Amino acid sequence: MALQSGNNVLANCGSIEQVVELINDEMATDAKDFALAAEYAINAAEEAGCGMTRADLQAHLDFLSEAGADFDYHEALELALKQKK
């Protein structure tokens, strides 16, 4: 994993709904919402076996956003691009 939030809280999420809830709950973790979104995008791209291009990461961030996650999209994308393997 390229990014690690505090205690790897995303690893404890078993569904997209749990990821959305974690990102939207400001008190759930000390990680910023965009950092969690970036970590999700990187992990999702790795798990899917797809590339780590801007378009690939955007697709995962789009999915997360459409699922109801509220995060700074631009910050998440830029961080994911910096942290990708």
N, C-alpha and C. Protein backbone atom coordinates (compact mmCIF):
# COMPACT_ATOMS: atom_id res chain seq x y z
N MET A 1 0.86 -1.19 0.00
CA MET A 1 0.00 0.00 0.00
C MET A 1 0.89 1.24 0.00
N ALA A 2 0.61 2.15 -0.85
CA ALA A 2 1.43 3.34 -0.98
C ALA A 2 1.18 4.35 0.13
N LEU A 3 -0.04 4.48 0.53
CA LEU A 3 -0.42 5.43 1.58
C LEU A 3 -0.88 4.65 2.79
N GLN A 4 -0.59 5.14 3.95
CA GLN A 4 -1.06 4.48 5.16
C GLN A 4 -1.70 5.52 6.07
N SER A 5 -2.99 5.37 6.31
CA SER A 5 -3.65 6.27 7.24
C SER A 5 -3.42 5.71 8.64
N GLY A 6 -3.09 6.57 9.54
CA GLY A 6 -2.88 6.23 10.93
C GLY A 6 -2.70 4.75 11.24
N ASN A 7 -3.77 4.05 11.46
CA ASN A 7 -3.69 2.64 11.83
C ASN A 7 -4.33 1.76 10.76
N ASN A 8 -4.22 2.15 9.50
CA ASN A 8 -4.74 1.37 8.38
C ASN A 8 -6.24 1.11 8.52
N VAL A 9 -6.99 2.13 8.80
CA VAL A 9 -8.42 2.00 9.06
C VAL A 9 -9.21 1.51 7.86
N LEU A 10 -8.73 1.75 6.66
CA LEU A 10 -9.47 1.28 5.48
C LEU A 10 -9.47 -0.24 5.39
N ALA A 11 -8.45 -0.88 5.94
CA ALA A 11 -8.38 -2.34 5.90
C ALA A 11 -9.54 -2.97 6.69
N ASN A 12 -10.09 -2.22 7.63
CA ASN A 12 -11.19 -2.72 8.45
C ASN A 12 -12.55 -2.52 7.79
N CYS A 13 -12.58 -1.84 6.65
CA CYS A 13 -13.83 -1.59 5.95
C CYS A 13 -14.12 -2.76 5.01
N GLY A 14 -15.31 -3.30 5.12
CA GLY A 14 -15.69 -4.44 4.30
C GLY A 14 -16.58 -4.09 3.12
N SER A 15 -16.95 -2.82 3.01
CA SER A 15 -17.84 -2.42 1.92
C SER A 15 -17.60 -0.95 1.57
N ILE A 16 -18.08 -0.57 0.41
CA ILE A 16 -17.95 0.83 -0.01
C ILE A 16 -18.72 1.73 0.94
N GLU A 17 -19.83 1.24 1.47
CA GLU A 17 -20.63 2.03 2.42
C GLU A 17 -19.82 2.34 3.68
N GLN A 18 -19.03 1.39 4.14
CA GLN A 18 -18.20 1.62 5.32
C GLN A 18 -17.08 2.61 5.03
N VAL A 19 -16.53 2.56 3.82
CA VAL A 19 -15.50 3.51 3.43
C VAL A 19 -16.10 4.92 3.39
N VAL A 20 -17.28 5.05 2.79
CA VAL A 20 -17.96 6.35 2.72
C VAL A 20 -18.23 6.88 4.12
N GLU A 21 -18.73 6.02 4.98
CA GLU A 21 -19.03 6.44 6.36
C GLU A 21 -17.77 6.91 7.06
N LEU A 22 -16.67 6.20 6.88
CA LEU A 22 -15.41 6.57 7.50
C LEU A 22 -14.93 7.93 6.99
N ILE A 23 -14.99 8.13 5.68
CA ILE A 23 -14.54 9.40 5.11
C ILE A 23 -15.42 10.55 5.58
N ASN A 24 -16.72 10.32 5.66
CA ASN A 24 -17.64 11.39 6.04
C ASN A 24 -17.68 11.67 7.54
N ASP A 25 -17.15 10.76 8.36
CA ASP A 25 -17.14 10.94 9.81
C ASP A 25 -15.82 11.59 10.22
N GLU A 26 -15.85 12.89 10.45
CA GLU A 26 -14.64 13.64 10.77
C GLU A 26 -13.96 13.17 12.05
N MET A 27 -14.70 12.54 12.93
CA MET A 27 -14.14 12.12 14.21
C MET A 27 -13.63 10.68 14.18
N ALA A 28 -13.84 9.96 13.10
CA ALA A 28 -13.49 8.53 13.04
C ALA A 28 -11.98 8.31 13.01
N THR A 29 -11.26 9.22 12.42
CA THR A 29 -9.82 9.07 12.28
C THR A 29 -9.18 10.45 12.21
N ASP A 30 -7.89 10.50 12.49
CA ASP A 30 -7.20 11.78 12.39
C ASP A 30 -6.73 12.06 10.97
N ALA A 31 -6.92 11.11 10.06
CA ALA A 31 -6.54 11.32 8.66
C ALA A 31 -7.55 12.26 7.99
N LYS A 32 -7.07 13.06 7.08
CA LYS A 32 -7.93 13.97 6.33
C LYS A 32 -8.80 13.17 5.36
N ASP A 33 -9.98 13.69 5.06
CA ASP A 33 -10.90 12.99 4.16
C ASP A 33 -10.26 12.72 2.80
N PHE A 34 -9.52 13.68 2.26
CA PHE A 34 -8.93 13.48 0.95
C PHE A 34 -7.81 12.43 0.99
N ALA A 35 -7.13 12.32 2.12
CA ALA A 35 -6.07 11.31 2.25
C ALA A 35 -6.67 9.91 2.26
N LEU A 36 -7.79 9.75 2.94
CA LEU A 36 -8.48 8.45 2.94
C LEU A 36 -8.99 8.12 1.55
N ALA A 37 -9.52 9.12 0.86
CA ALA A 37 -10.01 8.90 -0.51
C ALA A 37 -8.86 8.51 -1.43
N ALA A 38 -7.73 9.17 -1.30
CA ALA A 38 -6.56 8.84 -2.12
C ALA A 38 -6.10 7.42 -1.83
N GLU A 39 -6.05 7.06 -0.57
CA GLU A 39 -5.65 5.71 -0.19
C GLU A 39 -6.62 4.68 -0.78
N TYR A 40 -7.90 4.99 -0.71
CA TYR A 40 -8.91 4.09 -1.29
C TYR A 40 -8.66 3.91 -2.79
N ALA A 41 -8.44 5.00 -3.50
CA ALA A 41 -8.24 4.94 -4.95
C ALA A 41 -7.03 4.10 -5.31
N ILE A 42 -5.95 4.28 -4.59
CA ILE A 42 -4.73 3.51 -4.84
C ILE A 42 -4.98 2.03 -4.57
N ASN A 43 -5.57 1.73 -3.42
CA ASN A 43 -5.86 0.34 -3.07
C ASN A 43 -6.80 -0.31 -4.08
N ALA A 44 -7.83 0.41 -4.47
CA ALA A 44 -8.81 -0.14 -5.42
C ALA A 44 -8.15 -0.42 -6.77
N ALA A 45 -7.29 0.48 -7.22
CA ALA A 45 -6.59 0.28 -8.49
C ALA A 45 -5.67 -0.94 -8.41
N GLU A 46 -4.97 -1.08 -7.29
CA GLU A 46 -4.08 -2.24 -7.11
C GLU A 46 -4.89 -3.53 -7.10
N GLU A 47 -5.98 -3.55 -6.35
CA GLU A 47 -6.80 -4.75 -6.25
C GLU A 47 -7.45 -5.12 -7.57
N ALA A 48 -7.81 -4.12 -8.36
CA ALA A 48 -8.45 -4.37 -9.65
C ALA A 48 -7.43 -4.79 -10.71
N GLY A 49 -6.16 -4.57 -10.41
CA GLY A 49 -5.12 -4.93 -11.36
C GLY A 49 -5.05 -3.99 -12.55
N CYS A 50 -5.66 -2.82 -12.39
CA CYS A 50 -5.61 -1.85 -13.48
C CYS A 50 -4.43 -0.91 -13.26
N GLY A 51 -4.26 0.01 -14.13
CA GLY A 51 -3.14 0.93 -14.05
C GLY A 51 -3.31 1.96 -12.95
N MET A 52 -2.31 2.80 -12.86
CA MET A 52 -2.30 3.87 -11.87
C MET A 52 -2.22 5.22 -12.57
N THR A 53 -2.82 5.30 -13.75
CA THR A 53 -2.80 6.57 -14.46
C THR A 53 -3.80 7.52 -13.80
N ARG A 54 -3.74 8.76 -14.22
CA ARG A 54 -4.69 9.76 -13.71
C ARG A 54 -6.13 9.28 -13.96
N ALA A 55 -6.40 8.77 -15.14
CA ALA A 55 -7.75 8.32 -15.48
C ALA A 55 -8.18 7.14 -14.60
N ASP A 56 -7.27 6.22 -14.34
CA ASP A 56 -7.59 5.07 -13.48
C ASP A 56 -7.95 5.53 -12.07
N LEU A 57 -7.13 6.40 -11.51
CA LEU A 57 -7.37 6.89 -10.15
C LEU A 57 -8.64 7.74 -10.10
N GLN A 58 -8.88 8.52 -11.14
CA GLN A 58 -10.10 9.32 -11.20
C GLN A 58 -11.34 8.43 -11.21
N ALA A 59 -11.28 7.31 -11.91
CA ALA A 59 -12.42 6.40 -11.97
C ALA A 59 -12.77 5.89 -10.57
N HIS A 60 -11.78 5.56 -9.78
CA HIS A 60 -12.03 5.07 -8.42
C HIS A 60 -12.52 6.19 -7.51
N LEU A 61 -11.98 7.38 -7.68
CA LEU A 61 -12.45 8.52 -6.90
C LEU A 61 -13.88 8.89 -7.30
N ASP A 62 -14.19 8.79 -8.58
CA ASP A 62 -15.55 9.05 -9.05
C ASP A 62 -16.53 8.07 -8.41
N PHE A 63 -16.16 6.80 -8.39
CA PHE A 63 -17.01 5.77 -7.78
C PHE A 63 -17.24 6.09 -6.31
N LEU A 64 -16.19 6.46 -5.62
CA LEU A 64 -16.29 6.80 -4.19
C LEU A 64 -17.19 8.01 -3.98
N SER A 65 -17.03 9.01 -4.82
CA SER A 65 -17.86 10.21 -4.73
C SER A 65 -19.32 9.91 -5.01
N GLU A 66 -19.56 9.12 -6.05
CA GLU A 66 -20.93 8.74 -6.41
C GLU A 66 -21.60 7.90 -5.33
N ALA A 67 -20.78 7.20 -4.53
CA ALA A 67 -21.32 6.39 -3.43
C ALA A 67 -21.69 7.25 -2.23
N GLY A 68 -21.33 8.55 -2.29
CA GLY A 68 -21.73 9.48 -1.24
C GLY A 68 -20.62 10.04 -0.38
N ALA A 69 -19.38 9.71 -0.69
CA ALA A 69 -18.26 10.23 0.10
C ALA A 69 -18.07 11.71 -0.19
N ASP A 70 -17.83 12.47 0.85
CA ASP A 70 -17.63 13.92 0.74
C ASP A 70 -16.16 14.21 1.05
N PHE A 71 -15.39 14.52 0.01
CA PHE A 71 -13.96 14.78 0.17
C PHE A 71 -13.51 15.76 -0.88
N ASP A 72 -12.34 16.34 -0.68
CA ASP A 72 -11.75 17.27 -1.64
C ASP A 72 -11.18 16.44 -2.79
N TYR A 73 -11.91 16.39 -3.89
CA TYR A 73 -11.56 15.53 -5.04
C TYR A 73 -10.18 15.88 -5.58
N HIS A 74 -9.93 17.16 -5.80
CA HIS A 74 -8.65 17.59 -6.38
C HIS A 74 -7.49 17.18 -5.48
N GLU A 75 -7.61 17.43 -4.18
CA GLU A 75 -6.55 17.07 -3.23
C GLU A 75 -6.34 15.56 -3.22
N ALA A 76 -7.42 14.79 -3.25
CA ALA A 76 -7.31 13.33 -3.23
C ALA A 76 -6.59 12.83 -4.49
N LEU A 77 -6.95 13.37 -5.63
CA LEU A 77 -6.33 12.96 -6.88
C LEU A 77 -4.84 13.30 -6.90
N GLU A 78 -4.51 14.51 -6.52
CA GLU A 78 -3.11 14.92 -6.52
C GLU A 78 -2.28 14.07 -5.55
N LEU A 79 -2.83 13.77 -4.38
CA LEU A 79 -2.11 12.95 -3.41
C LEU A 79 -1.95 11.53 -3.94
N ALA A 80 -2.98 10.98 -4.53
CA ALA A 80 -2.91 9.62 -5.08
C ALA A 80 -1.85 9.56 -6.18
N LEU A 81 -1.82 10.56 -7.03
CA LEU A 81 -0.82 10.58 -8.12
C LEU A 81 0.59 10.67 -7.56
N LYS A 82 0.79 11.39 -6.49
CA LYS A 82 2.11 11.51 -5.87
C LYS A 82 2.52 10.21 -5.19
N GLN A 83 1.56 9.49 -4.64
CA GLN A 83 1.86 8.32 -3.82
C GLN A 83 1.82 7.00 -4.56
N LYS A 84 1.33 7.01 -5.79
CA LYS A 84 1.18 5.74 -6.52
C LYS A 84 2.53 5.06 -6.66
N LYS A 85 2.46 3.75 -6.82
CA LYS A 85 3.69 2.96 -6.97
C LYS A 85 4.25 3.11 -8.35
